[in-house]
């Protein structure tokens, strides 16, 4: 299956077959390992994952997700987070490209020090660090699930305070989204995807044309 086929196949599943699919810890970690091949700015890999498979823990998650039933039905739910302070302990070898020039930017200055100074001085940049790469990683996880015949549903609405309390998620981690994984129930409703021709409605070339708003 190529990327285009995985994108076309992936659909948001609204109901899972409870106990219809058992995803093991190893299977989930293998899927996450593939998902983390997604781009990571400066190789910082700020993504963090909390995997929920235990029935009692899913019950707690169900309450945090405003009693969304598919949380109970899913084989596993992955809480995708991003560490806003991932830049603090980044060794030079984490930078994409590696090598002796890994900390150089355009041949000038100490890029690693600049990166730390840049993020330390801006709460907004720290927030963006925590959501950019983990968001790409979450999409990659959904595609890996599609390629493996596993149903998925991204979850965007939840009680953040509840999640942090129940699952020990530190304040420095941004909660990006949740990915529920499992076997689609027979006849389960899925969200229809827009026709590809609709892309013209939200694409601008070479700049934004105000008259189109």
N, C-alpha and C. Protein backbone atom coordinates (compact mmCIF):
# COMPACT_ATOMS: atom_id res chain seq x y z
N UNK A 1 0.84 -1.20 0.00
CA UNK A 1 0.00 0.00 0.00
C UNK A 1 0.88 1.25 0.00
N UNK A 2 0.61 2.18 -0.94
CA UNK A 2 1.41 3.41 -0.95
C UNK A 2 0.71 4.48 -0.11
N UNK A 3 1.35 5.64 -0.01
CA UNK A 3 0.83 6.71 0.84
C UNK A 3 -0.54 7.18 0.37
N UNK A 4 -0.70 7.36 -0.94
CA UNK A 4 -1.99 7.81 -1.47
C UNK A 4 -3.11 6.84 -1.12
N UNK A 5 -2.81 5.55 -1.20
CA UNK A 5 -3.82 4.53 -0.86
C UNK A 5 -4.16 4.58 0.62
N UNK A 6 -3.14 4.76 1.46
CA UNK A 6 -3.38 4.84 2.91
C UNK A 6 -4.22 6.05 3.26
N UNK A 7 -3.96 7.18 2.60
CA UNK A 7 -4.75 8.39 2.85
C UNK A 7 -6.20 8.19 2.43
N UNK A 8 -6.39 7.51 1.29
CA UNK A 8 -7.75 7.27 0.80
C UNK A 8 -8.48 6.25 1.68
N UNK A 9 -7.75 5.28 2.20
CA UNK A 9 -8.35 4.22 3.00
C UNK A 9 -8.70 4.70 4.40
N UNK A 10 -7.88 5.58 4.96
CA UNK A 10 -8.11 6.02 6.34
C UNK A 10 -9.42 6.76 6.47
N UNK A 11 -10.24 6.31 7.39
CA UNK A 11 -11.50 6.98 7.69
C UNK A 11 -11.66 7.05 9.20
N UNK A 12 -12.36 8.06 9.64
CA UNK A 12 -12.61 8.22 11.07
C UNK A 12 -13.74 7.29 11.49
N UNK A 13 -13.42 6.32 12.32
CA UNK A 13 -14.38 5.31 12.78
C UNK A 13 -15.10 5.84 14.02
N UNK A 14 -16.40 5.78 14.00
CA UNK A 14 -17.18 6.33 15.11
C UNK A 14 -17.65 5.27 16.10
N UNK A 15 -17.44 4.00 15.77
CA UNK A 15 -17.81 2.94 16.71
C UNK A 15 -16.90 1.74 16.49
N UNK A 16 -16.35 1.22 17.58
CA UNK A 16 -15.48 0.06 17.51
C UNK A 16 -16.18 -1.19 18.03
N UNK A 17 -15.71 -2.35 17.57
CA UNK A 17 -16.18 -3.63 18.07
C UNK A 17 -15.45 -3.91 19.37
N UNK A 18 -16.15 -3.81 20.48
CA UNK A 18 -15.50 -3.99 21.77
C UNK A 18 -14.91 -5.38 21.87
N UNK A 19 -13.65 -5.47 22.25
CA UNK A 19 -12.90 -6.72 22.36
C UNK A 19 -12.74 -7.42 21.01
N UNK A 20 -13.01 -6.69 19.91
CA UNK A 20 -12.88 -7.29 18.59
C UNK A 20 -11.45 -7.35 18.11
N UNK A 21 -10.58 -6.54 18.71
CA UNK A 21 -9.18 -6.51 18.32
C UNK A 21 -8.33 -6.24 19.55
N UNK A 22 -7.35 -7.10 19.77
CA UNK A 22 -6.44 -6.91 20.89
C UNK A 22 -5.10 -6.43 20.34
N UNK A 23 -4.76 -5.21 20.66
CA UNK A 23 -3.46 -4.67 20.26
C UNK A 23 -2.50 -4.82 21.44
N UNK A 24 -1.42 -5.53 21.23
CA UNK A 24 -0.45 -5.75 22.30
C UNK A 24 0.43 -4.52 22.48
N UNK A 25 1.13 -4.50 23.61
CA UNK A 25 2.08 -3.41 23.85
C UNK A 25 3.12 -3.34 22.74
N UNK A 26 3.63 -4.49 22.34
CA UNK A 26 4.64 -4.52 21.28
C UNK A 26 4.10 -4.00 19.95
N UNK A 27 2.87 -4.38 19.62
CA UNK A 27 2.26 -3.92 18.36
C UNK A 27 2.10 -2.41 18.36
N UNK A 28 1.63 -1.87 19.47
CA UNK A 28 1.43 -0.43 19.55
C UNK A 28 2.76 0.31 19.49
N UNK A 29 3.77 -0.21 20.19
CA UNK A 29 5.07 0.44 20.18
C UNK A 29 5.70 0.38 18.79
N UNK A 30 5.44 -0.70 18.06
CA UNK A 30 5.95 -0.80 16.69
C UNK A 30 5.27 0.24 15.80
N UNK A 31 3.97 0.42 15.96
CA UNK A 31 3.25 1.44 15.20
C UNK A 31 3.75 2.83 15.54
N UNK A 32 4.01 3.07 16.81
CA UNK A 32 4.51 4.38 17.23
C UNK A 32 5.92 4.63 16.71
N UNK A 33 6.73 3.57 16.67
CA UNK A 33 8.09 3.71 16.14
C UNK A 33 8.05 4.17 14.69
N UNK A 34 7.11 3.62 13.92
CA UNK A 34 6.97 4.03 12.53
C UNK A 34 6.44 5.47 12.45
N UNK A 35 5.51 5.80 13.32
CA UNK A 35 4.94 7.15 13.31
C UNK A 35 6.00 8.20 13.62
N UNK A 36 6.98 7.85 14.44
CA UNK A 36 8.01 8.83 14.81
C UNK A 36 9.05 9.02 13.71
N UNK A 37 8.81 8.44 12.55
CA UNK A 37 9.63 8.76 11.38
C UNK A 37 9.15 10.09 10.77
N UNK A 38 8.11 10.65 11.34
CA UNK A 38 7.60 11.95 10.90
C UNK A 38 8.67 13.02 11.13
N UNK A 39 8.57 14.16 10.43
CA UNK A 39 9.57 15.22 10.61
C UNK A 39 9.63 15.71 12.06
N UNK A 40 10.84 16.01 12.49
CA UNK A 40 11.06 16.54 13.83
C UNK A 40 11.99 17.73 13.72
N UNK A 41 11.49 18.90 14.09
CA UNK A 41 12.32 20.09 13.91
C UNK A 41 13.60 20.00 14.73
N UNK A 42 14.71 20.17 14.06
CA UNK A 42 16.04 20.10 14.67
C UNK A 42 16.31 18.75 15.33
N UNK A 43 15.51 17.75 14.97
CA UNK A 43 15.71 16.42 15.55
C UNK A 43 15.42 16.34 17.04
N UNK A 44 14.62 17.28 17.55
CA UNK A 44 14.35 17.32 18.99
C UNK A 44 13.39 16.23 19.45
N UNK A 45 12.59 15.70 18.54
CA UNK A 45 11.63 14.64 18.86
C UNK A 45 10.83 14.97 20.12
N UNK A 46 10.06 16.04 20.09
CA UNK A 46 9.33 16.46 21.30
C UNK A 46 8.09 15.64 21.60
N UNK A 47 7.75 14.67 20.74
CA UNK A 47 6.53 13.89 20.97
C UNK A 47 6.66 13.01 22.21
N UNK A 48 5.55 12.86 22.89
CA UNK A 48 5.44 11.99 24.07
C UNK A 48 4.10 11.26 23.95
N UNK A 49 4.05 10.01 24.35
CA UNK A 49 2.83 9.21 24.19
C UNK A 49 2.42 8.55 25.50
N UNK A 50 1.14 8.61 25.80
CA UNK A 50 0.58 7.85 26.92
C UNK A 50 -0.40 6.86 26.30
N UNK A 51 -0.11 5.58 26.42
CA UNK A 51 -0.94 4.53 25.82
C UNK A 51 -1.87 3.96 26.88
N UNK A 52 -3.16 3.94 26.57
CA UNK A 52 -4.17 3.45 27.52
C UNK A 52 -4.85 2.23 26.93
N UNK A 53 -4.64 1.06 27.57
CA UNK A 53 -5.26 -0.20 27.10
C UNK A 53 -6.09 -0.87 28.19
N UNK A 54 -5.70 -0.68 29.43
CA UNK A 54 -6.38 -1.33 30.55
C UNK A 54 -7.82 -0.83 30.68
N UNK A 55 -8.73 -1.76 30.93
CA UNK A 55 -10.16 -1.41 30.99
C UNK A 55 -10.47 -0.36 32.06
N UNK A 56 -9.86 -0.50 33.22
CA UNK A 56 -10.10 0.47 34.29
C UNK A 56 -9.55 1.84 33.93
N UNK A 57 -8.40 1.85 33.28
CA UNK A 57 -7.82 3.14 32.87
C UNK A 57 -8.63 3.76 31.73
N UNK A 58 -9.17 2.92 30.86
CA UNK A 58 -10.04 3.45 29.80
C UNK A 58 -11.32 4.05 30.39
N UNK A 59 -11.77 3.49 31.49
CA UNK A 59 -12.96 4.03 32.15
C UNK A 59 -12.66 5.45 32.65
N UNK A 60 -11.47 5.64 33.20
CA UNK A 60 -11.07 6.99 33.64
C UNK A 60 -10.95 7.92 32.44
N UNK A 61 -10.41 7.41 31.35
CA UNK A 61 -10.27 8.20 30.14
C UNK A 61 -11.64 8.56 29.55
N UNK A 62 -12.56 7.63 29.64
CA UNK A 62 -13.94 7.83 29.19
C UNK A 62 -14.55 9.04 29.90
N UNK A 63 -14.32 9.15 31.19
CA UNK A 63 -14.84 10.29 31.95
C UNK A 63 -14.16 11.60 31.51
N UNK A 64 -12.86 11.52 31.21
CA UNK A 64 -12.12 12.72 30.76
C UNK A 64 -12.54 13.16 29.37
N UNK A 65 -13.10 12.23 28.59
CA UNK A 65 -13.53 12.54 27.21
C UNK A 65 -15.03 12.75 27.13
N UNK A 66 -15.61 13.25 28.20
CA UNK A 66 -17.04 13.58 28.24
C UNK A 66 -17.90 12.36 27.89
N UNK A 67 -17.48 11.20 28.40
CA UNK A 67 -18.20 9.94 28.25
C UNK A 67 -18.42 9.56 26.79
N UNK A 68 -17.38 9.70 26.02
CA UNK A 68 -17.39 9.27 24.62
C UNK A 68 -17.26 7.75 24.59
N UNK A 69 -18.29 7.08 24.11
CA UNK A 69 -18.37 5.62 24.23
C UNK A 69 -17.26 4.90 23.49
N UNK A 70 -16.80 5.44 22.37
CA UNK A 70 -15.77 4.71 21.61
C UNK A 70 -14.46 4.60 22.38
N UNK A 71 -14.27 5.43 23.41
CA UNK A 71 -13.08 5.30 24.26
C UNK A 71 -13.12 3.96 25.00
N UNK A 72 -14.30 3.56 25.45
CA UNK A 72 -14.46 2.26 26.11
C UNK A 72 -14.30 1.11 25.12
N UNK A 73 -14.76 1.33 23.90
CA UNK A 73 -14.76 0.27 22.89
C UNK A 73 -13.40 0.02 22.27
N UNK A 74 -12.55 1.04 22.22
CA UNK A 74 -11.27 0.95 21.52
C UNK A 74 -10.35 -0.07 22.16
N UNK A 75 -9.52 -0.68 21.34
CA UNK A 75 -8.49 -1.57 21.87
C UNK A 75 -7.45 -0.78 22.65
N UNK A 76 -7.14 0.40 22.15
CA UNK A 76 -6.17 1.27 22.83
C UNK A 76 -6.45 2.71 22.42
N UNK A 77 -6.11 3.62 23.31
CA UNK A 77 -6.17 5.04 23.01
C UNK A 77 -4.79 5.63 23.32
N UNK A 78 -4.24 6.34 22.34
CA UNK A 78 -2.93 6.96 22.52
C UNK A 78 -3.14 8.45 22.74
N UNK A 79 -2.67 8.93 23.88
CA UNK A 79 -2.69 10.37 24.16
C UNK A 79 -1.39 10.95 23.60
N UNK A 80 -1.50 11.72 22.54
CA UNK A 80 -0.32 12.28 21.88
C UNK A 80 -0.02 13.65 22.49
N UNK A 81 1.16 13.79 23.01
CA UNK A 81 1.57 15.02 23.67
C UNK A 81 2.86 15.54 23.06
N UNK A 82 3.21 16.77 23.40
CA UNK A 82 4.47 17.36 22.96
C UNK A 82 5.12 18.08 24.12
N UNK A 83 6.42 17.88 24.27
CA UNK A 83 7.18 18.48 25.37
C UNK A 83 7.68 19.87 24.96
N UNK A 84 7.16 20.90 25.60
CA UNK A 84 7.54 22.27 25.26
C UNK A 84 8.96 22.60 25.69
N UNK A 85 9.56 21.75 26.52
CA UNK A 85 10.92 21.99 27.00
C UNK A 85 11.91 20.98 26.42
N UNK A 86 11.53 20.34 25.32
CA UNK A 86 12.40 19.32 24.73
C UNK A 86 13.75 19.87 24.30
N UNK A 87 13.81 21.17 24.06
CA UNK A 87 15.04 21.79 23.58
C UNK A 87 16.11 21.92 24.66
N UNK A 88 15.72 21.83 25.94
CA UNK A 88 16.66 22.12 27.02
C UNK A 88 17.80 21.12 27.12
N UNK A 89 17.50 19.86 26.90
CA UNK A 89 18.52 18.82 27.07
C UNK A 89 18.92 18.19 25.75
N UNK A 90 18.79 18.95 24.66
CA UNK A 90 19.09 18.40 23.34
C UNK A 90 20.61 18.34 23.11
N UNK A 91 21.17 17.13 23.01
CA UNK A 91 22.59 17.02 22.65
C UNK A 91 22.78 17.33 21.18
N UNK A 92 23.98 17.69 20.80
CA UNK A 92 24.24 18.10 19.43
C UNK A 92 23.88 17.02 18.42
N UNK A 93 24.08 15.74 18.80
CA UNK A 93 23.85 14.68 17.82
C UNK A 93 22.39 14.47 17.49
N UNK A 94 21.45 15.14 18.22
CA UNK A 94 20.03 14.96 17.89
C UNK A 94 19.64 15.75 16.66
N UNK A 95 20.47 16.69 16.25
CA UNK A 95 20.08 17.55 15.12
C UNK A 95 20.06 16.77 13.83
N UNK A 96 18.99 16.96 13.06
CA UNK A 96 18.88 16.29 11.78
C UNK A 96 20.04 16.73 10.89
N UNK A 97 20.66 15.79 10.26
CA UNK A 97 21.82 16.09 9.43
C UNK A 97 23.09 15.60 10.09
N UNK A 98 23.15 15.74 11.46
CA UNK A 98 24.30 15.23 12.21
C UNK A 98 25.61 15.81 11.74
N UNK A 99 26.70 15.14 12.15
CA UNK A 99 28.02 15.55 11.70
C UNK A 99 28.57 16.72 12.47
N UNK A 100 29.78 17.12 12.10
CA UNK A 100 30.48 18.17 12.83
C UNK A 100 29.79 19.52 12.72
N UNK A 101 29.00 19.73 11.66
CA UNK A 101 28.34 21.02 11.45
C UNK A 101 26.90 21.03 11.92
N UNK A 102 26.52 20.03 12.72
CA UNK A 102 25.11 19.90 13.12
C UNK A 102 24.61 21.09 13.90
N UNK A 103 25.51 21.81 14.62
CA UNK A 103 25.07 22.94 15.42
C UNK A 103 25.28 24.26 14.70
N UNK A 104 25.66 24.21 13.44
CA UNK A 104 25.88 25.44 12.69
C UNK A 104 24.65 25.77 11.84
N UNK A 105 24.38 27.04 11.70
CA UNK A 105 23.28 27.49 10.86
C UNK A 105 23.85 28.47 9.86
N UNK A 106 23.84 28.08 8.59
CA UNK A 106 24.43 28.90 7.54
C UNK A 106 25.89 29.21 7.84
N UNK A 107 26.56 28.32 8.54
CA UNK A 107 27.99 28.47 8.79
C UNK A 107 28.34 29.48 9.86
N UNK A 108 27.37 30.04 10.55
CA UNK A 108 27.68 31.05 11.56
C UNK A 108 26.99 30.72 12.88
N UNK A 109 27.71 31.05 13.95
CA UNK A 109 27.13 30.95 15.29
C UNK A 109 26.95 29.54 15.80
N UNK A 110 26.57 29.47 17.04
CA UNK A 110 26.29 28.20 17.68
C UNK A 110 24.78 27.97 17.62
N UNK A 111 24.35 27.13 16.70
CA UNK A 111 22.92 26.95 16.46
C UNK A 111 22.21 26.37 17.67
N UNK A 112 22.87 25.48 18.38
CA UNK A 112 22.25 24.87 19.54
C UNK A 112 21.96 25.91 20.62
N UNK A 113 22.92 26.78 20.88
CA UNK A 113 22.70 27.84 21.87
C UNK A 113 21.62 28.80 21.40
N UNK A 114 21.63 29.11 20.11
CA UNK A 114 20.61 30.00 19.56
C UNK A 114 19.22 29.41 19.71
N UNK A 115 19.10 28.09 19.45
CA UNK A 115 17.81 27.43 19.57
C UNK A 115 17.29 27.49 21.00
N UNK A 116 18.16 27.22 21.95
CA UNK A 116 17.75 27.26 23.35
C UNK A 116 17.36 28.67 23.77
N UNK A 117 18.12 29.65 23.33
CA UNK A 117 17.81 31.04 23.66
C UNK A 117 16.49 31.46 23.02
N UNK A 118 16.28 31.06 21.78
CA UNK A 118 15.06 31.39 21.04
C UNK A 118 13.82 30.85 21.75
N UNK A 119 13.86 29.58 22.14
CA UNK A 119 12.69 28.97 22.78
C UNK A 119 12.53 29.42 24.22
N UNK A 120 13.63 29.68 24.91
CA UNK A 120 13.54 30.11 26.31
C UNK A 120 12.87 31.46 26.44
N UNK A 121 12.99 32.29 25.42
CA UNK A 121 12.49 33.66 25.51
C UNK A 121 11.04 33.82 25.03
N UNK A 122 10.44 32.75 24.52
CA UNK A 122 9.11 32.89 23.94
C UNK A 122 8.19 31.74 24.32
N UNK A 123 7.14 32.04 25.07
CA UNK A 123 6.16 31.02 25.45
C UNK A 123 5.45 30.48 24.21
N UNK A 124 5.20 31.37 23.25
CA UNK A 124 4.53 30.95 22.02
C UNK A 124 5.38 29.95 21.24
N UNK A 125 6.69 30.19 21.13
CA UNK A 125 7.56 29.28 20.41
C UNK A 125 7.65 27.93 21.11
N UNK A 126 7.63 27.95 22.43
CA UNK A 126 7.66 26.68 23.18
C UNK A 126 6.37 25.89 22.92
N UNK A 127 5.25 26.61 22.87
CA UNK A 127 3.98 25.95 22.57
C UNK A 127 4.01 25.36 21.17
N UNK A 128 4.51 26.11 20.20
CA UNK A 128 4.55 25.62 18.82
C UNK A 128 5.50 24.42 18.71
N UNK A 129 6.59 24.43 19.44
CA UNK A 129 7.49 23.28 19.46
C UNK A 129 6.74 22.04 19.93
N UNK A 130 5.85 22.23 20.90
CA UNK A 130 5.13 21.10 21.49
C UNK A 130 4.02 20.56 20.60
N UNK A 131 3.57 21.33 19.61
CA UNK A 131 2.44 20.87 18.80
C UNK A 131 2.80 20.55 17.34
N UNK A 132 3.82 21.20 16.79
CA UNK A 132 4.09 21.02 15.36
C UNK A 132 4.46 19.58 15.01
N UNK A 133 5.60 19.12 15.52
CA UNK A 133 6.06 17.77 15.17
C UNK A 133 5.14 16.68 15.71
N UNK A 134 4.64 16.80 16.97
CA UNK A 134 3.70 15.78 17.45
C UNK A 134 2.43 15.68 16.62
N UNK A 135 1.98 16.79 16.03
CA UNK A 135 0.80 16.74 15.16
C UNK A 135 1.09 15.91 13.91
N UNK A 136 2.28 16.13 13.32
CA UNK A 136 2.68 15.33 12.16
C UNK A 136 2.79 13.86 12.53
N UNK A 137 3.30 13.61 13.73
CA UNK A 137 3.46 12.25 14.22
C UNK A 137 2.10 11.58 14.41
N UNK A 138 1.13 12.32 14.93
CA UNK A 138 -0.21 11.77 15.13
C UNK A 138 -0.84 11.38 13.80
N UNK A 139 -0.67 12.22 12.78
CA UNK A 139 -1.20 11.88 11.46
C UNK A 139 -0.51 10.64 10.91
N UNK A 140 0.79 10.55 11.13
CA UNK A 140 1.52 9.37 10.67
C UNK A 140 0.99 8.11 11.37
N UNK A 141 0.65 8.22 12.65
CA UNK A 141 0.10 7.07 13.38
C UNK A 141 -1.22 6.62 12.77
N UNK A 142 -2.07 7.57 12.39
CA UNK A 142 -3.35 7.22 11.76
C UNK A 142 -3.14 6.51 10.43
N UNK A 143 -2.12 6.93 9.69
CA UNK A 143 -1.82 6.28 8.41
C UNK A 143 -1.24 4.89 8.61
N UNK A 144 -0.38 4.73 9.61
CA UNK A 144 0.15 3.41 9.92
C UNK A 144 -0.99 2.47 10.30
N UNK A 145 -1.94 2.98 11.09
CA UNK A 145 -3.09 2.16 11.47
C UNK A 145 -3.88 1.74 10.23
N UNK A 146 -4.11 2.66 9.31
CA UNK A 146 -4.85 2.35 8.09
C UNK A 146 -4.13 1.28 7.28
N UNK A 147 -2.80 1.42 7.17
CA UNK A 147 -2.01 0.47 6.40
C UNK A 147 -2.09 -0.93 7.00
N UNK A 148 -2.30 -1.01 8.31
CA UNK A 148 -2.35 -2.30 9.00
C UNK A 148 -3.77 -2.81 9.21
N UNK A 149 -4.74 -2.12 8.65
CA UNK A 149 -6.11 -2.58 8.78
C UNK A 149 -6.73 -2.30 10.14
N UNK A 150 -6.16 -1.36 10.88
CA UNK A 150 -6.67 -0.99 12.20
C UNK A 150 -7.50 0.28 12.07
N UNK A 151 -8.72 0.26 12.61
CA UNK A 151 -9.56 1.45 12.57
C UNK A 151 -9.04 2.51 13.53
N UNK A 152 -9.33 3.76 13.24
CA UNK A 152 -8.85 4.84 14.10
C UNK A 152 -9.85 5.98 14.16
N UNK A 153 -9.74 6.74 15.24
CA UNK A 153 -10.57 7.93 15.40
C UNK A 153 -9.77 8.97 16.19
N UNK A 154 -9.47 10.12 15.58
CA UNK A 154 -8.83 11.19 16.34
C UNK A 154 -9.85 11.84 17.27
N UNK A 155 -9.43 12.14 18.48
CA UNK A 155 -10.31 12.76 19.47
C UNK A 155 -9.72 14.11 19.84
N UNK A 156 -10.51 15.17 19.65
CA UNK A 156 -10.03 16.52 19.88
C UNK A 156 -10.67 17.20 21.08
N UNK A 157 -11.73 16.62 21.61
CA UNK A 157 -12.45 17.26 22.71
C UNK A 157 -12.34 16.41 23.97
N UNK A 158 -11.81 17.02 25.02
CA UNK A 158 -11.57 16.32 26.28
C UNK A 158 -11.34 17.35 27.37
N UNK A 159 -11.44 16.89 28.59
CA UNK A 159 -11.19 17.73 29.76
C UNK A 159 -9.70 17.65 30.06
N UNK A 160 -8.97 18.69 29.71
CA UNK A 160 -7.51 18.66 29.85
C UNK A 160 -7.08 18.48 31.30
N UNK A 161 -7.72 19.17 32.20
CA UNK A 161 -7.36 19.06 33.62
C UNK A 161 -7.56 17.62 34.10
N UNK A 162 -8.63 16.99 33.64
CA UNK A 162 -8.91 15.60 34.01
C UNK A 162 -7.82 14.68 33.50
N UNK A 163 -7.41 14.87 32.24
CA UNK A 163 -6.36 14.04 31.66
C UNK A 163 -5.05 14.19 32.43
N UNK A 164 -4.71 15.40 32.74
CA UNK A 164 -3.45 15.64 33.47
C UNK A 164 -3.47 14.99 34.84
N UNK A 165 -4.60 15.10 35.53
CA UNK A 165 -4.70 14.53 36.87
C UNK A 165 -4.71 13.01 36.83
N UNK A 166 -5.52 12.43 35.95
CA UNK A 166 -5.69 10.97 35.93
C UNK A 166 -4.46 10.24 35.38
N UNK A 167 -3.74 10.88 34.44
CA UNK A 167 -2.65 10.17 33.77
C UNK A 167 -1.28 10.79 34.01
N UNK A 168 -1.22 11.70 34.98
CA UNK A 168 0.06 12.24 35.40
C UNK A 168 0.81 13.02 34.32
N UNK A 169 0.08 13.68 33.45
CA UNK A 169 0.71 14.41 32.35
C UNK A 169 1.23 15.75 32.87
N UNK A 170 2.54 15.99 32.76
CA UNK A 170 3.12 17.22 33.32
C UNK A 170 2.68 18.48 32.57
N UNK A 171 2.75 19.61 33.25
CA UNK A 171 2.31 20.87 32.68
C UNK A 171 3.10 21.25 31.43
N UNK A 172 4.35 20.86 31.37
CA UNK A 172 5.18 21.26 30.23
C UNK A 172 4.82 20.50 28.95
N UNK A 173 4.02 19.46 29.07
CA UNK A 173 3.57 18.72 27.88
C UNK A 173 2.24 19.32 27.40
N UNK A 174 2.18 19.66 26.12
CA UNK A 174 0.92 20.05 25.50
C UNK A 174 0.19 18.78 25.07
N UNK A 175 -1.08 18.68 25.37
CA UNK A 175 -1.88 17.55 24.91
C UNK A 175 -2.38 17.90 23.51
N UNK A 176 -1.87 17.22 22.51
CA UNK A 176 -2.14 17.56 21.11
C UNK A 176 -3.46 16.97 20.64
N UNK A 177 -3.64 15.69 20.87
CA UNK A 177 -4.86 14.99 20.47
C UNK A 177 -4.81 13.58 21.01
N UNK A 178 -5.92 12.86 20.91
CA UNK A 178 -5.97 11.45 21.27
C UNK A 178 -6.27 10.65 20.02
N UNK A 179 -5.67 9.47 19.91
CA UNK A 179 -5.93 8.58 18.78
C UNK A 179 -6.49 7.27 19.31
N UNK A 180 -7.76 7.01 19.04
CA UNK A 180 -8.38 5.74 19.44
C UNK A 180 -8.15 4.72 18.32
N UNK A 181 -7.79 3.50 18.72
CA UNK A 181 -7.47 2.44 17.76
C UNK A 181 -8.27 1.19 18.08
N UNK A 182 -8.77 0.51 17.04
CA UNK A 182 -9.51 -0.72 17.29
C UNK A 182 -10.12 -1.27 16.01
N UNK A 183 -10.99 -2.25 16.18
CA UNK A 183 -11.68 -2.86 15.03
C UNK A 183 -13.01 -2.15 14.79
N UNK A 184 -13.22 -1.61 13.60
CA UNK A 184 -14.51 -0.96 13.32
C UNK A 184 -15.66 -1.93 13.52
N UNK A 185 -16.71 -1.48 14.16
CA UNK A 185 -17.89 -2.32 14.35
C UNK A 185 -18.59 -2.52 13.01
N UNK A 186 -19.26 -3.65 12.87
CA UNK A 186 -19.99 -3.94 11.63
C UNK A 186 -21.01 -2.84 11.37
N UNK A 187 -20.96 -2.28 10.18
CA UNK A 187 -21.88 -1.22 9.82
C UNK A 187 -21.62 0.10 10.50
N UNK A 188 -20.42 0.24 11.09
CA UNK A 188 -20.10 1.47 11.82
C UNK A 188 -20.09 2.66 10.88
N UNK A 189 -20.65 3.77 11.35
CA UNK A 189 -20.67 4.99 10.56
C UNK A 189 -19.28 5.60 10.52
N UNK A 190 -18.89 6.10 9.38
CA UNK A 190 -17.62 6.79 9.24
C UNK A 190 -17.87 8.16 8.62
N UNK A 191 -16.96 9.07 8.87
CA UNK A 191 -17.07 10.40 8.28
C UNK A 191 -16.68 10.33 6.81
N UNK A 192 -17.52 10.87 5.95
CA UNK A 192 -17.21 10.91 4.53
C UNK A 192 -16.15 11.96 4.27
N UNK A 193 -15.25 11.66 3.36
CA UNK A 193 -14.20 12.61 3.03
C UNK A 193 -14.66 13.53 1.91
N UNK A 194 -14.19 14.79 1.93
CA UNK A 194 -14.57 15.72 0.86
C UNK A 194 -13.96 15.30 -0.46
N UNK A 195 -14.62 15.67 -1.53
CA UNK A 195 -14.07 15.41 -2.86
C UNK A 195 -12.77 16.18 -3.04
N UNK A 196 -11.82 15.56 -3.73
CA UNK A 196 -10.52 16.19 -3.90
C UNK A 196 -10.62 17.52 -4.64
N UNK A 197 -11.65 17.70 -5.44
CA UNK A 197 -11.80 18.95 -6.18
C UNK A 197 -12.05 20.13 -5.25
N UNK A 198 -12.51 19.84 -4.02
CA UNK A 198 -12.80 20.90 -3.06
C UNK A 198 -11.54 21.64 -2.64
N UNK A 199 -10.37 21.10 -2.93
CA UNK A 199 -9.12 21.71 -2.49
C UNK A 199 -8.96 23.13 -3.03
N UNK A 200 -9.56 23.42 -4.18
CA UNK A 200 -9.44 24.75 -4.77
C UNK A 200 -10.05 25.82 -3.88
N UNK A 201 -10.96 25.43 -3.01
CA UNK A 201 -11.63 26.41 -2.15
C UNK A 201 -10.74 26.92 -1.04
N UNK A 202 -9.69 26.17 -0.70
CA UNK A 202 -8.83 26.63 0.40
C UNK A 202 -7.35 26.59 0.07
N UNK A 203 -7.03 26.76 -1.21
CA UNK A 203 -5.63 26.86 -1.64
C UNK A 203 -5.42 28.19 -2.35
N UNK A 204 -4.39 28.91 -1.94
CA UNK A 204 -3.97 30.13 -2.61
C UNK A 204 -2.57 29.89 -3.16
N UNK A 205 -2.29 30.44 -4.32
CA UNK A 205 -0.96 30.31 -4.91
C UNK A 205 -0.27 31.67 -4.92
N UNK A 206 0.94 31.68 -4.42
CA UNK A 206 1.81 32.86 -4.42
C UNK A 206 1.30 34.00 -3.55
N UNK A 207 0.36 33.74 -2.68
CA UNK A 207 -0.16 34.78 -1.79
C UNK A 207 -1.67 34.67 -1.67
N UNK A 208 -2.22 35.35 -0.67
CA UNK A 208 -3.66 35.29 -0.39
C UNK A 208 -4.38 36.43 -1.11
N UNK A 209 -5.46 36.08 -1.77
CA UNK A 209 -6.27 37.06 -2.48
C UNK A 209 -7.43 37.48 -1.57
N UNK A 210 -7.41 38.71 -1.07
CA UNK A 210 -8.45 39.15 -0.12
C UNK A 210 -9.87 38.98 -0.63
N UNK A 211 -10.09 39.14 -1.91
CA UNK A 211 -11.44 39.07 -2.45
C UNK A 211 -12.07 37.69 -2.30
N UNK A 212 -11.24 36.68 -2.01
CA UNK A 212 -11.80 35.34 -1.88
C UNK A 212 -12.33 35.05 -0.50
N UNK A 213 -12.16 35.97 0.45
CA UNK A 213 -12.68 35.73 1.80
C UNK A 213 -14.18 35.94 1.83
